[in-house]
């Protein structure tokens, strides 16, 4: 395989909501930083600044985008040096619906 490494993310923020949250991801990316940036991507980059940015999230749930940027609130572990994915992508999302 010549694809990107895989990273496993987990929610470690004990103050995060308990439902309607993403609790983990597997991400193919060149680095942890690139993976965190992908997870914190906005759904609508053109949303007005006064809108609550926490809910303007492509991948995050009610825990908010900032959780996936901050290593104090989410863990990251490289689980594979290569994958079948040639470009950055969220491979798997674990979501706790409520």
Protein backbone atom coordinates (compact mmCIF):
# COMPACT_ATOMS: atom_id res chain seq x y z
CA UNK A 1 0.00 0.00 0.00
CA UNK A 2 1.23 3.44 -0.90
CA UNK A 3 -1.55 5.47 0.67
CA UNK A 4 -1.58 7.84 3.62
CA UNK A 5 -1.08 6.80 7.25
CA UNK A 6 -4.16 6.20 9.42
CA UNK A 7 -4.88 8.01 12.69
CA UNK A 8 -7.33 6.97 15.41
CA UNK A 9 -9.03 9.81 17.31
CA UNK A 10 -10.99 9.58 20.54
CA UNK A 11 -12.97 12.11 22.53
CA UNK A 12 -11.35 12.70 25.94
CA UNK A 13 -13.26 15.85 26.96
CA UNK A 14 -15.24 14.84 30.05
CA UNK A 15 -17.31 18.01 29.76
CA UNK A 16 -18.55 17.18 26.25
CA UNK A 17 -22.24 16.46 25.71
CA UNK A 18 -23.24 12.79 26.03
CA UNK A 19 -25.49 12.57 22.99
CA UNK A 20 -25.41 13.82 19.41
CA UNK A 21 -21.61 13.79 19.55
CA UNK A 22 -18.84 12.29 17.50
CA UNK A 23 -16.78 10.18 19.92
CA UNK A 24 -14.10 8.92 17.57
CA UNK A 25 -12.73 8.85 14.05
CA UNK A 26 -10.29 7.01 11.83
CA UNK A 27 -8.64 9.48 9.44
CA UNK A 28 -6.23 9.01 6.55
CA UNK A 29 -3.83 11.98 6.48
CA UNK A 30 -0.18 12.90 6.03
CA UNK A 31 0.15 13.98 9.67
CA UNK A 32 -1.76 14.38 12.92
CA UNK A 33 -1.99 18.11 12.24
CA UNK A 34 -3.57 17.53 8.83
CA UNK A 35 -6.00 15.01 10.32
CA UNK A 36 -7.02 17.43 13.09
CA UNK A 37 -7.57 20.17 10.51
CA UNK A 38 -9.79 17.85 8.48
CA UNK A 39 -11.89 16.93 11.53
CA UNK A 40 -12.36 20.57 12.48
CA UNK A 41 -13.39 21.67 8.99
CA UNK A 42 -16.44 23.93 8.83
CA UNK A 43 -19.56 22.78 7.04
CA UNK A 44 -20.01 26.25 5.63
CA UNK A 45 -16.87 28.35 5.45
CA UNK A 46 -19.01 31.31 4.37
CA UNK A 47 -21.24 31.28 7.48
CA UNK A 48 -21.66 34.69 9.09
CA UNK A 49 -19.25 35.30 12.00
CA UNK A 50 -22.07 35.91 14.47
CA UNK A 51 -23.38 32.37 13.90
CA UNK A 52 -22.36 29.89 16.62
CA UNK A 53 -19.28 28.40 14.97
CA UNK A 54 -19.42 25.37 17.26
CA UNK A 55 -22.28 23.92 15.21
CA UNK A 56 -20.82 24.88 11.82
CA UNK A 57 -19.06 21.52 11.54
CA UNK A 58 -18.62 19.09 8.68
CA UNK A 59 -17.64 16.11 10.86
CA UNK A 60 -18.16 17.10 14.50
CA UNK A 61 -21.44 16.87 16.40
CA UNK A 62 -22.58 18.79 19.46
CA UNK A 63 -19.10 18.45 21.01
CA UNK A 64 -18.00 21.15 18.57
CA UNK A 65 -15.17 21.47 16.10
CA UNK A 66 -12.65 22.83 18.61
CA UNK A 67 -12.51 19.48 20.43
CA UNK A 68 -10.78 17.82 17.48
CA UNK A 69 -8.11 20.55 17.23
CA UNK A 70 -7.15 20.45 20.92
CA UNK A 71 -4.94 17.51 22.09
CA UNK A 72 -6.20 18.16 25.64
CA UNK A 73 -9.75 17.29 24.55
CA UNK A 74 -9.13 14.52 22.02
CA UNK A 75 -6.53 11.80 21.67
CA UNK A 76 -4.75 10.80 18.48
CA UNK A 77 -2.75 7.67 17.73
CA UNK A 78 -1.15 6.65 14.47
CA UNK A 79 -2.46 3.14 13.80
CA UNK A 80 -1.02 2.41 10.34
CA UNK A 81 1.92 3.72 8.36
CA UNK A 82 0.09 3.30 5.06
CA UNK A 83 -3.45 2.74 3.83
CA UNK A 84 -5.41 2.41 0.61
CA UNK A 85 -6.34 6.11 0.73
CA UNK A 86 -4.22 8.40 -1.49
CA UNK A 87 -5.74 11.66 -0.21
CA UNK A 88 -6.90 12.92 3.20
CA UNK A 89 -10.30 11.52 4.19
CA UNK A 90 -12.42 10.58 7.20
CA UNK A 91 -12.58 6.80 6.92
CA UNK A 92 -14.80 6.06 9.90
CA UNK A 93 -16.89 8.14 12.30
CA UNK A 94 -18.25 6.89 15.62
CA UNK A 95 -21.33 8.90 16.57
CA UNK A 96 -23.41 8.73 19.74
CA UNK A 97 -26.93 9.74 18.75
CA UNK A 98 -29.33 10.83 21.39
